[in-house]
Amino acid sequence: MATNIHNWQQRVDWTLSAILWVGYGLSLFLSGWRQGATPGVTLAAVFAGTYVVAMQIIPRRVRNTAQLGEILAIIGVIVALVGTALTGGIESGYVIFLVAPAFFAGAFLGSRVGLETALLAAVGLVVVVAALGQPVLDGRVLESVALFVLIALTMSQMRRILVEDRIRSDELAATTEMRISRLETAHDLLETLSNLASAAELNPVTVGQAALRDIAARVPFAAGQVLVTAGDNDVVAATRGEPDADAEPHEYTIRIADRTVGRLLLWPLPETDLAEWRESIELALQPVAIAFENSRLLQQIAHRAVRGERSRIARELHDDIGPSLASLGLSIDMAIHQFETEPELTRHLDTTRRHITALIETVRGAAADLRQDETESVVEKAHILAADVDADGPSVMVAIDELRPPRGNTAVEIKAILTEAFRNAVAHSGATTVSVQGVVDRDSGRIVVVDDGNGFDPTATPRGHFGIIGMKERAANINADLDVSSRAGVGTTVSITWGRQK
């Protein structure tokens, strides 16, 4: 757009140069043809020629400034009027030369200066004609005055239109650039979310982390948080930077249709106004809202499917397998009474009866467990811990195969040990990578937290630090094995094993 504006100014400048040289040439020719080589003709030619050369030599960016441009326009009128007075008044060819200052003022200095220059030329021509004793109301005088005014008005209007067009073009270019930037932000985020979905990692934590990372690439902010709306509460899904508790963050609603699914909080950098980025941020949040909603729907579908399957299995255990086992136990009781005279057979039947009784209790417990309300799983706890890690902290990998969450107190102790081990790895190890791996299946499982940090001596307990002791006490409460291995410069591995895998 700027190149087009430069081109029209250059073309108008070429037109001005043509008017100056053609006007000067005609004035010189007509005055010389009519009066010959008189001193007045020569002096007028020198004045006008000097003005034309000066207009060509002075750089355009200097010549077209308001103050110098107005002075040059007035000088041009004076030069043309002097030439007119020296070469015959209204009969002089320098009357034509008066067009040049009016054209210059209207085209480059605006309507006010253009009209002032045209009126100055008109009044000056009338004064010169009257001073030479020529009729002021001559048709040629009136035509010249009208021509000066018309040229000044025409060129000033042309300039106004072109300047307005330049402003609109600049605004359009700025708006287009901003929209392209917003679209690029949204595209990058969509691409990231697509990759996450392909890798089966699309959950509120990964979506929030991706949103903050891609928004930070284009919007300057000091810290940010993505919160997911869960009922009447908001849960922090991802954090980037260190939020300032004393500063008021900018809040953006993550909305799909008429429903709020989350919020984005951004703490601005010093002397930075995030208001100009609001539209860009809101555009980038649209795919985040869709991803949150999809994640919620998938979780609902999965939970409904799991609940339905749990209920079906519980019914089968209670209504079919349980009674069948009880009937089998009753049959064995009858066989025991029938063969009381055969001690060896009776002993085997009695052992089988005890096994069946234990199996019936196991089936009843399993049916009761299946009908219990679901609690926060170990996998969910690991993802929540990962979401709290700052963007500048270590990268976190969670790979837990959880078939069934642990029971009551076991779940409490396992998640407490996981929390302590994970936070130690993030806060104190200086690690670049932390991984949480394992397998969980109700009454048995193994969780391993590994970091590539500085390592330490696990046999030494620093004064005031009781993390390992606390983890061992919790493991003892559920008859689990806790193993802490570490070497300086290699990293640390914390594993907790419980149940049948011990």
Protein backbone atom coordinates (compact mmCIF):
# COMPACT_ATOMS: atom_id res chain seq x y z
CA MET A 1 0.00 0.00 0.00
CA ALA A 2 2.81 2.40 0.86
CA THR A 3 4.33 1.81 -2.58
CA ASN A 4 1.07 2.84 -4.27
CA ILE A 5 0.94 6.04 -2.23
CA HIS A 6 4.53 6.81 -3.15
CA ASN A 7 3.70 6.23 -6.83
CA TRP A 8 0.80 8.68 -6.94
CA GLN A 9 2.88 11.37 -5.24
CA GLN A 10 5.62 10.78 -7.75
CA ARG A 11 3.20 10.98 -10.69
CA VAL A 12 1.69 14.23 -9.40
CA ASP A 13 5.22 15.58 -8.94
CA TRP A 14 6.03 14.72 -12.56
CA THR A 15 2.87 16.57 -13.59
CA LEU A 16 3.96 19.61 -11.58
CA SER A 17 7.39 19.53 -13.24
CA ALA A 18 5.72 19.38 -16.65
CA ILE A 19 3.46 22.35 -15.80
CA LEU A 20 6.45 24.37 -14.54
CA TRP A 21 8.59 23.74 -17.60
CA VAL A 22 5.75 24.03 -20.15
CA GLY A 23 4.42 27.18 -18.46
CA TYR A 24 7.90 28.67 -18.36
CA GLY A 25 8.54 27.75 -21.99
CA LEU A 26 5.24 29.21 -23.23
CA SER A 27 5.71 32.36 -21.17
CA LEU A 28 9.23 32.84 -22.54
CA PHE A 29 8.13 32.16 -26.12
CA LEU A 30 5.05 34.40 -26.08
CA SER A 31 6.76 37.31 -24.35
CA GLY A 32 9.75 37.12 -26.69
CA TRP A 33 7.55 36.80 -29.78
CA ARG A 34 5.41 39.76 -28.83
CA GLN A 35 8.03 42.15 -27.36
CA GLY A 36 11.37 40.85 -28.50
CA ALA A 37 14.53 40.65 -26.39
CA THR A 38 13.78 43.58 -24.11
CA PRO A 39 15.34 43.99 -20.63
CA GLY A 40 11.91 43.25 -19.05
CA VAL A 41 11.55 40.02 -20.99
CA THR A 42 15.07 38.95 -20.03
CA LEU A 43 14.60 39.80 -16.35
CA ALA A 44 11.27 37.94 -16.22
CA ALA A 45 12.87 34.89 -17.85
CA VAL A 46 15.68 34.90 -15.26
CA PHE A 47 13.26 35.15 -12.32
CA ALA A 48 10.93 32.45 -13.62
CA GLY A 49 13.77 30.14 -14.67
CA THR A 50 15.43 30.42 -11.25
CA TYR A 51 12.13 29.50 -9.57
CA VAL A 52 11.58 26.49 -11.84
CA VAL A 53 15.12 25.19 -11.24
CA ALA A 54 14.77 25.69 -7.47
CA MET A 55 11.52 23.71 -7.45
CA GLN A 56 13.32 20.85 -9.17
CA ILE A 57 16.45 20.92 -6.99
CA ILE A 58 14.80 21.07 -3.55
CA PRO A 59 14.04 17.50 -2.35
CA ARG A 60 10.37 16.70 -2.50
CA ARG A 61 10.09 15.65 1.16
CA VAL A 62 11.54 19.07 2.14
CA ARG A 63 9.69 21.10 -0.49
CA ASN A 64 6.29 19.65 0.45
CA THR A 65 6.47 20.46 4.16
CA ALA A 66 3.78 22.87 5.34
CA GLN A 67 5.93 25.90 6.14
CA LEU A 68 8.47 25.77 3.28
CA GLY A 69 5.81 24.66 0.79
CA GLU A 70 3.62 27.66 1.57
CA ILE A 71 6.60 30.00 1.18
CA LEU A 72 7.51 28.44 -2.20
CA ALA A 73 3.89 28.79 -3.39
CA ILE A 74 3.85 32.49 -2.48
CA ILE A 75 7.26 33.04 -4.15
CA GLY A 76 5.92 31.34 -7.29
CA VAL A 77 2.94 33.72 -7.38
CA ILE A 78 5.21 36.74 -6.90
CA VAL A 79 7.62 35.55 -9.64
CA ALA A 80 4.74 35.01 -12.09
CA LEU A 81 3.19 38.40 -11.25
CA VAL A 82 6.54 40.17 -11.72
CA GLY A 83 6.94 38.41 -15.06
CA THR A 84 3.39 39.43 -16.01
CA ALA A 85 4.04 43.07 -15.07
CA LEU A 86 7.37 43.17 -17.02
CA THR A 87 5.98 41.55 -20.18
CA GLY A 88 2.65 43.19 -20.94
CA GLY A 89 0.14 42.48 -18.21
CA ILE A 90 -2.89 40.47 -19.32
CA GLU A 91 -1.26 39.98 -22.71
CA SER A 92 1.77 38.32 -21.11
CA GLY A 93 2.44 34.63 -21.35
CA TYR A 94 3.35 34.63 -17.65
CA VAL A 95 -0.36 34.64 -16.83
CA ILE A 96 -0.21 30.96 -17.76
CA PHE A 97 2.73 30.50 -15.37
CA LEU A 98 0.46 31.53 -12.46
CA VAL A 99 -1.23 28.14 -12.79
CA ALA A 100 1.90 26.35 -11.47
CA PRO A 101 1.88 27.73 -7.85
CA ALA A 102 -1.88 27.10 -7.55
CA PHE A 103 -1.41 23.49 -8.77
CA PHE A 104 1.52 22.93 -6.38
CA ALA A 105 -0.30 24.32 -3.33
CA GLY A 106 -3.54 22.42 -3.99
CA ALA A 107 -1.88 19.08 -4.79
CA PHE A 108 0.73 18.97 -2.01
CA LEU A 109 -0.32 21.43 0.72
CA GLY A 110 -4.08 20.97 1.03
CA SER A 111 -7.25 22.91 0.29
CA ARG A 112 -6.58 25.85 2.63
CA VAL A 113 -3.15 26.70 1.23
CA GLY A 114 -4.35 25.92 -2.30
CA LEU A 115 -7.26 28.38 -2.10
CA GLU A 116 -5.06 31.00 -0.43
CA THR A 117 -2.51 30.69 -3.25
CA ALA A 118 -5.22 30.85 -5.94
CA LEU A 119 -6.79 33.95 -4.35
CA LEU A 120 -3.37 35.56 -3.99
CA ALA A 121 -2.70 34.92 -7.70
CA ALA A 122 -6.14 36.30 -8.65
CA VAL A 123 -5.82 39.45 -6.52
CA GLY A 124 -2.23 40.00 -7.67
CA LEU A 125 -3.25 39.68 -11.35
CA VAL A 126 -6.04 42.22 -10.85
CA VAL A 127 -3.60 44.63 -9.15
CA VAL A 128 -1.01 44.26 -11.95
CA VAL A 129 -3.64 44.75 -14.66
CA ALA A 130 -5.04 47.82 -12.90
CA ALA A 131 -1.53 49.27 -12.33
CA LEU A 132 -0.78 48.93 -16.06
CA GLY A 133 -4.01 50.77 -16.91
CA GLN A 134 -5.65 47.72 -18.48
CA PRO A 135 -9.36 46.92 -17.99
CA VAL A 136 -9.83 44.85 -14.84
CA LEU A 137 -13.15 43.39 -16.01
CA ASP A 138 -11.62 42.07 -19.18
CA GLY A 139 -12.83 38.54 -19.99
CA ARG A 140 -9.30 37.19 -19.96
CA VAL A 141 -8.78 38.46 -16.39
CA LEU A 142 -11.97 36.83 -15.16
CA GLU A 143 -11.16 33.58 -16.96
CA SER A 144 -7.68 33.52 -15.43
CA VAL A 145 -9.05 34.11 -11.90
CA ALA A 146 -11.60 31.31 -12.34
CA LEU A 147 -8.89 28.99 -13.70
CA PHE A 148 -6.62 29.58 -10.69
CA VAL A 149 -9.42 28.85 -8.22
CA LEU A 150 -10.66 25.82 -10.15
CA ILE A 151 -7.19 24.26 -10.35
CA ALA A 152 -6.55 24.83 -6.65
CA LEU A 153 -9.91 23.29 -5.68
CA THR A 154 -9.51 20.33 -8.02
CA MET A 155 -6.02 19.46 -6.87
CA SER A 156 -6.84 19.90 -3.18
CA GLN A 157 -9.84 17.58 -3.51
CA MET A 158 -7.69 15.06 -5.34
CA ARG A 159 -5.14 15.25 -2.55
CA ARG A 160 -7.83 14.81 0.13
CA ILE A 161 -9.21 11.71 -1.59
CA LEU A 162 -5.76 10.18 -2.00
CA VAL A 163 -4.75 10.92 1.59
CA GLU A 164 -7.97 9.37 2.91
CA ASP A 165 -7.35 6.38 0.69
CA ARG A 166 -3.84 6.09 2.13
CA ILE A 167 -5.20 6.18 5.69
CA ARG A 168 -7.79 3.53 4.90
CA SER A 169 -5.14 1.43 3.20
CA ASP A 170 -2.83 1.70 6.23
CA GLU A 171 -5.69 0.78 8.58
CA LEU A 172 -6.66 -2.14 6.36
CA ALA A 173 -3.04 -3.33 6.23
CA ALA A 174 -2.76 -3.12 10.03
CA THR A 175 -6.10 -4.90 10.51
CA THR A 176 -5.14 -7.59 8.00
CA GLU A 177 -1.80 -8.15 9.70
CA MET A 178 -3.50 -8.42 13.10
CA ARG A 179 -6.10 -10.87 11.78
CA ILE A 180 -3.40 -12.96 10.13
CA SER A 181 -1.52 -13.06 13.44
CA ARG A 182 -4.70 -14.14 15.25
CA LEU A 183 -5.43 -16.81 12.67
CA GLU A 184 -1.85 -18.07 12.92
CA THR A 185 -2.21 -18.33 16.72
CA ALA A 186 -5.49 -20.24 16.36
CA HIS A 187 -3.99 -22.45 13.64
CA ASP A 188 -0.94 -23.30 15.76
CA LEU A 189 -3.16 -24.19 18.70
CA LEU A 190 -5.46 -26.30 16.53
CA GLU A 191 -2.44 -28.13 15.13
CA THR A 192 -1.12 -28.77 18.64
CA LEU A 193 -4.51 -30.02 19.84
CA SER A 194 -4.78 -32.23 16.77
CA ASN A 195 -1.40 -33.77 17.57
CA LEU A 196 -2.45 -34.31 21.18
CA ALA A 197 -5.68 -35.97 20.08
CA SER A 198 -3.76 -38.23 17.70
CA ALA A 199 -1.46 -39.22 20.55
CA ALA A 200 -4.46 -40.00 22.81
CA GLU A 201 -3.32 -37.31 25.26
CA LEU A 202 -6.23 -34.92 24.87
CA ASN A 203 -7.20 -33.99 28.43
CA PRO A 204 -7.69 -30.65 30.23
CA VAL A 205 -4.07 -30.62 31.44
CA THR A 206 -2.46 -31.12 28.02
CA VAL A 207 -4.99 -28.78 26.37
CA GLY A 208 -4.29 -26.04 28.94
CA GLN A 209 -0.51 -26.42 28.59
CA ALA A 210 -0.77 -26.29 24.78
CA ALA A 211 -2.98 -23.19 24.94
CA LEU A 212 -0.61 -21.28 27.21
CA ARG A 213 2.42 -22.27 25.14
CA ASP A 214 0.93 -21.21 21.80
CA ILE A 215 -0.62 -17.99 23.12
CA ALA A 216 2.74 -17.07 24.72
CA ALA A 217 4.38 -17.35 21.30
CA ARG A 218 2.41 -14.31 20.09
CA VAL A 219 1.03 -12.48 23.14
CA PRO A 220 3.44 -11.03 25.74
CA PHE A 221 2.48 -11.88 29.33
CA ALA A 222 4.29 -12.58 32.59
CA ALA A 223 2.24 -15.54 33.81
CA GLY A 224 -0.92 -17.39 32.93
CA GLN A 225 -3.33 -20.02 34.20
CA VAL A 226 -5.97 -22.11 32.47
CA LEU A 227 -8.84 -23.15 34.73
CA VAL A 228 -11.50 -25.75 33.95
CA THR A 229 -15.01 -25.21 35.25
CA ALA A 230 -16.16 -28.19 37.32
CA GLY A 231 -19.64 -27.58 38.70
CA ASP A 232 -19.50 -24.41 40.79
CA ASN A 233 -15.71 -24.49 41.12
CA ASP A 234 -12.75 -23.80 38.83
CA VAL A 235 -9.83 -26.23 38.84
CA VAL A 236 -6.37 -25.13 37.67
CA ALA A 237 -5.48 -27.27 34.63
CA ALA A 238 -2.22 -25.58 33.61
CA THR A 239 0.10 -22.80 34.78
CA ARG A 240 2.85 -20.88 32.98
CA GLY A 241 5.19 -18.47 34.74
CA GLU A 242 4.81 -17.27 38.33
CA PRO A 243 1.43 -15.57 38.96
CA ASP A 244 1.70 -12.44 41.09
CA ALA A 245 -0.68 -12.78 44.03
CA ASP A 246 -0.73 -8.99 44.50
CA ALA A 247 -1.53 -8.17 40.86
CA GLU A 248 -4.93 -8.31 39.20
CA PRO A 249 -4.90 -10.66 36.19
CA HIS A 250 -6.76 -10.15 32.93
CA GLU A 251 -9.58 -12.69 32.71
CA TYR A 252 -10.87 -14.33 29.52
CA THR A 253 -13.84 -16.68 29.47
CA ILE A 254 -13.48 -20.00 27.66
CA ARG A 255 -16.97 -20.47 26.32
CA ILE A 256 -18.73 -22.81 23.94
CA ALA A 257 -22.19 -21.71 22.80
CA ASP A 258 -23.75 -20.13 25.92
CA ARG A 259 -21.90 -22.31 28.42
CA THR A 260 -18.68 -21.46 30.23
CA VAL A 261 -16.21 -24.37 30.26
CA GLY A 262 -13.20 -22.58 31.73
CA ARG A 263 -11.25 -19.39 32.21
CA LEU A 264 -7.87 -17.98 31.18
CA LEU A 265 -6.01 -15.69 33.58
CA LEU A 266 -3.08 -13.65 32.25
CA TRP A 267 -0.77 -11.45 34.32
CA PRO A 268 0.66 -8.71 32.03
CA LEU A 269 4.29 -7.72 31.77
CA PRO A 270 5.25 -4.32 33.23
CA GLU A 271 4.04 -1.43 31.08
CA THR A 272 2.22 -3.85 28.76
CA ASP A 273 -1.46 -3.46 27.90
CA LEU A 274 -3.12 -6.77 27.08
CA ALA A 275 -6.31 -5.03 25.94
CA GLU A 276 -5.03 -4.75 22.36
CA TRP A 277 -4.55 -8.53 22.28
CA ARG A 278 -8.03 -9.43 23.58
CA GLU A 279 -9.53 -10.30 20.20
CA SER A 280 -6.49 -12.40 19.31
CA ILE A 281 -6.62 -14.25 22.64
CA GLU A 282 -10.37 -14.89 22.39
CA LEU A 283 -9.89 -16.27 18.88
CA ALA A 284 -7.16 -18.61 20.14
CA LEU A 285 -9.44 -19.80 22.96
CA GLN A 286 -12.16 -21.04 20.60
CA PRO A 287 -10.43 -24.37 19.82
CA VAL A 288 -9.56 -24.68 23.53
CA ALA A 289 -13.26 -24.48 24.40
CA ILE A 290 -14.04 -27.17 21.84
CA ALA A 291 -11.22 -29.38 23.16
CA PHE A 292 -12.41 -28.94 26.77
CA GLU A 293 -15.96 -29.80 25.77
CA ASN A 294 -14.83 -32.84 23.79
CA SER A 295 -12.69 -34.00 26.70
CA ARG A 296 -15.65 -33.58 29.08
CA LEU A 297 -17.99 -35.48 26.77
CA LEU A 298 -15.47 -38.29 26.32
CA GLN A 299 -15.05 -38.53 30.08
CA GLN A 300 -18.82 -38.63 30.56
CA ILE A 301 -19.19 -41.34 27.94
CA ALA A 302 -16.33 -43.32 29.44
CA HIS A 303 -17.69 -42.95 32.99
CA ARG A 304 -21.17 -43.95 31.91
CA ALA A 305 -19.79 -46.96 30.07
CA VAL A 306 -17.66 -47.93 33.06
CA ARG A 307 -20.54 -47.47 35.50
CA GLY A 308 -22.81 -49.52 33.28
CA GLU A 309 -20.27 -52.30 32.96
CA ARG A 310 -19.54 -52.23 36.69
CA SER A 311 -23.24 -52.51 37.46
CA ARG A 312 -23.67 -55.39 35.01
CA ILE A 313 -20.73 -57.32 36.44
CA ALA A 314 -21.94 -56.63 40.01
CA ARG A 315 -25.39 -58.00 39.13
CA GLU A 316 -23.90 -61.11 37.56
CA LEU A 317 -21.67 -61.70 40.58
CA HIS A 318 -24.56 -61.18 43.01
CA ASP A 319 -27.37 -62.85 41.07
CA ASP A 320 -25.61 -65.65 39.20
CA ILE A 321 -22.12 -66.51 40.41
CA GLY A 322 -22.80 -65.91 44.11
CA PRO A 323 -25.85 -68.19 44.32
CA SER A 324 -24.09 -70.83 42.21
CA LEU A 325 -21.14 -70.88 44.60
CA ALA A 326 -23.50 -71.02 47.60
CA SER A 327 -25.33 -73.94 46.03
CA LEU A 328 -22.02 -75.68 45.39
CA GLY A 329 -21.05 -75.14 49.03
CA LEU A 330 -24.36 -76.62 50.17
CA SER A 331 -23.81 -79.68 47.99
CA ILE A 332 -20.35 -80.20 49.53
CA ASP A 333 -21.86 -79.90 53.03
CA MET A 334 -24.33 -82.65 52.14
CA ALA A 335 -21.48 -84.81 50.76
CA ILE A 336 -19.50 -84.34 53.98
CA HIS A 337 -22.43 -85.60 56.09
CA GLN A 338 -22.99 -88.48 53.69
CA PHE A 339 -19.36 -89.71 53.83
CA GLU A 340 -18.60 -89.12 57.51
CA THR A 341 -17.33 -92.70 57.73
CA GLU A 342 -14.53 -91.95 55.26
CA PRO A 343 -12.15 -89.51 57.05
CA GLU A 344 -9.77 -88.95 54.12
CA LEU A 345 -12.55 -87.94 51.73
CA THR A 346 -14.22 -85.85 54.38
CA ARG A 347 -10.97 -83.93 54.99
CA HIS A 348 -10.64 -83.08 51.26
CA LEU A 349 -14.28 -82.04 51.03
CA ASP A 350 -13.90 -79.83 54.09
CA THR A 351 -10.87 -78.09 52.56
CA THR A 352 -12.79 -77.51 49.36
CA ARG A 353 -15.70 -76.12 51.39
CA ARG A 354 -13.45 -73.57 53.10
CA HIS A 355 -12.07 -72.47 49.71
CA ILE A 356 -15.58 -72.02 48.36
CA THR A 357 -16.57 -70.02 51.44
CA ALA A 358 -13.55 -67.72 50.91
CA LEU A 359 -14.45 -67.40 47.24
CA ILE A 360 -18.02 -66.44 48.11
CA GLU A 361 -16.71 -63.68 50.40
CA THR A 362 -14.39 -62.48 47.62
CA VAL A 363 -17.28 -62.34 45.15
CA ARG A 364 -19.44 -60.42 47.62
CA GLY A 365 -16.61 -57.95 48.26
CA ALA A 366 -16.03 -57.50 44.53
CA ALA A 367 -19.75 -56.86 43.93
CA ALA A 368 -19.79 -54.30 46.75
CA ASP A 369 -16.68 -52.60 45.36
CA LEU A 370 -18.21 -52.38 41.90
CA ARG A 371 -21.27 -50.61 43.29
CA GLN A 372 -19.25 -48.05 45.27
CA ASP A 373 -18.93 -44.47 44.01
CA GLU A 374 -15.79 -43.78 42.01
CA THR A 375 -13.00 -41.86 43.73
CA GLU A 376 -10.09 -39.87 42.33
CA SER A 377 -7.77 -42.36 40.67
CA VAL A 378 -3.98 -42.54 40.84
CA VAL A 379 -3.79 -41.52 37.16
CA GLU A 380 -5.94 -38.43 37.81
CA LYS A 381 -3.75 -37.51 40.78
CA ALA A 382 -0.62 -37.83 38.64
CA HIS A 383 -2.08 -35.57 35.96
CA ILE A 384 -3.09 -32.97 38.56
CA LEU A 385 0.46 -32.95 39.93
CA ALA A 386 1.84 -32.58 36.39
CA ALA A 387 -0.48 -29.63 35.72
CA ASP A 388 1.00 -27.74 38.69
CA VAL A 389 4.51 -27.86 37.23
CA ASP A 390 5.63 -24.45 35.97
CA ALA A 391 6.41 -24.08 32.26
CA ASP A 392 10.08 -23.51 33.17
CA GLY A 393 10.19 -26.71 35.23
CA PRO A 394 11.05 -30.23 34.09
CA SER A 395 9.05 -32.02 31.43
CA VAL A 396 6.70 -34.62 32.92
CA MET A 397 5.63 -37.96 31.47
CA VAL A 398 2.73 -39.89 33.00
CA ALA A 399 2.32 -43.52 31.92
CA ILE A 400 0.19 -45.40 34.45
CA ASP A 401 -1.92 -48.37 33.43
CA GLU A 402 -4.73 -48.21 36.00
CA LEU A 403 -7.22 -51.04 35.65
CA ARG A 404 -9.04 -50.27 38.91
CA PRO A 405 -8.28 -47.56 41.50
CA PRO A 406 -7.01 -48.76 44.92
CA ARG A 407 -9.44 -49.14 47.80
CA GLY A 408 -10.12 -46.52 50.52
CA ASN A 409 -7.13 -46.10 52.83
CA THR A 410 -4.74 -47.75 50.36
CA ALA A 411 -5.63 -45.10 47.75
CA VAL A 412 -5.06 -42.31 50.28
CA GLU A 413 -1.60 -43.54 51.22
CA ILE A 414 -0.52 -44.36 47.65
CA LYS A 415 -1.48 -40.87 46.39
CA ALA A 416 0.23 -39.22 49.37
CA ILE A 417 3.47 -41.13 48.67
CA LEU A 418 3.19 -40.27 44.94
CA THR A 419 2.69 -36.59 45.78
CA GLU A 420 5.72 -36.44 48.08
CA ALA A 421 8.01 -38.27 45.63
CA PHE A 422 6.86 -36.19 42.66
CA ARG A 423 7.21 -32.82 44.40
CA ASN A 424 10.66 -33.72 45.67
CA ALA A 425 11.72 -34.59 42.12
CA VAL A 426 10.35 -31.32 40.72
CA ALA A 427 11.41 -28.93 43.48
CA HIS A 428 14.72 -30.29 44.75
CA SER A 429 16.37 -32.59 42.23
CA GLY A 430 17.22 -30.09 39.48
CA ALA A 431 15.85 -32.60 36.98
CA THR A 432 14.96 -31.85 33.36
CA THR A 433 12.66 -34.87 33.05
CA VAL A 434 10.38 -36.61 35.56
CA SER A 435 8.43 -39.75 34.70
CA VAL A 436 5.61 -41.43 36.63
CA GLN A 437 5.02 -45.02 35.53
CA GLY A 438 3.33 -48.10 36.86
CA VAL A 439 0.40 -50.49 36.98
CA VAL A 440 -2.55 -50.27 39.37
CA ASP A 441 -5.20 -52.95 39.86
CA ARG A 442 -7.22 -52.43 43.02
CA ASP A 443 -5.41 -54.44 45.74
CA SER A 444 -2.08 -54.59 43.96
CA GLY A 445 0.16 -52.32 41.99
CA ARG A 446 3.47 -50.60 41.56
CA ILE A 447 4.19 -46.89 41.01
CA VAL A 448 7.66 -45.64 40.06
CA VAL A 449 8.76 -41.97 40.04
CA VAL A 450 12.06 -41.44 38.18
CA ASP A 451 14.00 -38.19 37.69
CA ASP A 452 17.32 -37.38 35.99
CA GLY A 453 18.36 -34.84 38.61
CA ASN A 454 21.34 -34.39 40.89
CA GLY A 455 20.66 -37.38 43.13
CA PHE A 456 21.41 -37.67 46.88
CA ASP A 457 22.40 -40.07 49.62
CA PRO A 458 19.16 -41.89 50.59
CA THR A 459 20.74 -43.14 53.85
CA ALA A 460 21.30 -39.61 55.15
CA THR A 461 18.36 -37.60 56.50
CA PRO A 462 18.98 -33.83 56.45
CA ARG A 463 17.90 -31.97 59.56
CA GLY A 464 14.30 -30.83 59.28
CA HIS A 465 13.53 -33.04 56.26
CA PHE A 466 11.27 -36.02 56.91
CA GLY A 467 9.93 -36.75 53.42
CA ILE A 468 11.43 -40.23 53.07
CA ILE A 469 10.53 -41.14 56.64
CA GLY A 470 6.95 -40.07 56.05
CA MET A 471 6.73 -42.08 52.84
CA LYS A 472 8.05 -45.20 54.62
CA GLU A 473 5.53 -44.76 57.43
CA ARG A 474 2.68 -44.46 54.94
CA ALA A 475 3.91 -47.54 53.06
CA ALA A 476 4.02 -49.49 56.34
CA ASN A 477 0.40 -48.52 57.05
CA ILE A 478 -0.76 -50.48 53.99
CA ASN A 479 1.88 -53.25 54.14
CA ALA A 480 3.58 -51.90 51.01
CA ASP A 481 7.25 -51.86 50.04
CA LEU A 482 8.94 -48.49 49.45
CA ASP A 483 12.30 -48.40 47.69
CA VAL A 484 14.36 -45.21 47.25
CA SER A 485 17.50 -45.48 45.13
CA SER A 486 19.69 -42.57 44.10
CA ARG A 487 23.18 -41.73 42.90
CA ALA A 488 24.87 -38.35 42.63
CA GLY A 489 24.65 -36.96 39.12
CA VAL A 490 22.43 -39.83 37.91
CA GLY A 491 19.03 -39.18 39.44
CA THR A 492 16.55 -40.75 41.83
CA THR A 493 14.04 -43.58 41.59
CA VAL A 494 11.21 -43.98 44.12
CA SER A 495 9.00 -47.07 43.85
CA ILE A 496 6.01 -48.16 45.92
CA THR A 497 4.73 -51.75 45.57
CA TRP A 498 1.68 -53.20 47.29
CA GLY A 499 -0.51 -56.27 47.16
CA ARG A 500 0.25 -59.51 45.34
CA GLN A 501 3.12 -57.99 43.33
CA LYS A 502 5.27 -57.66 46.45
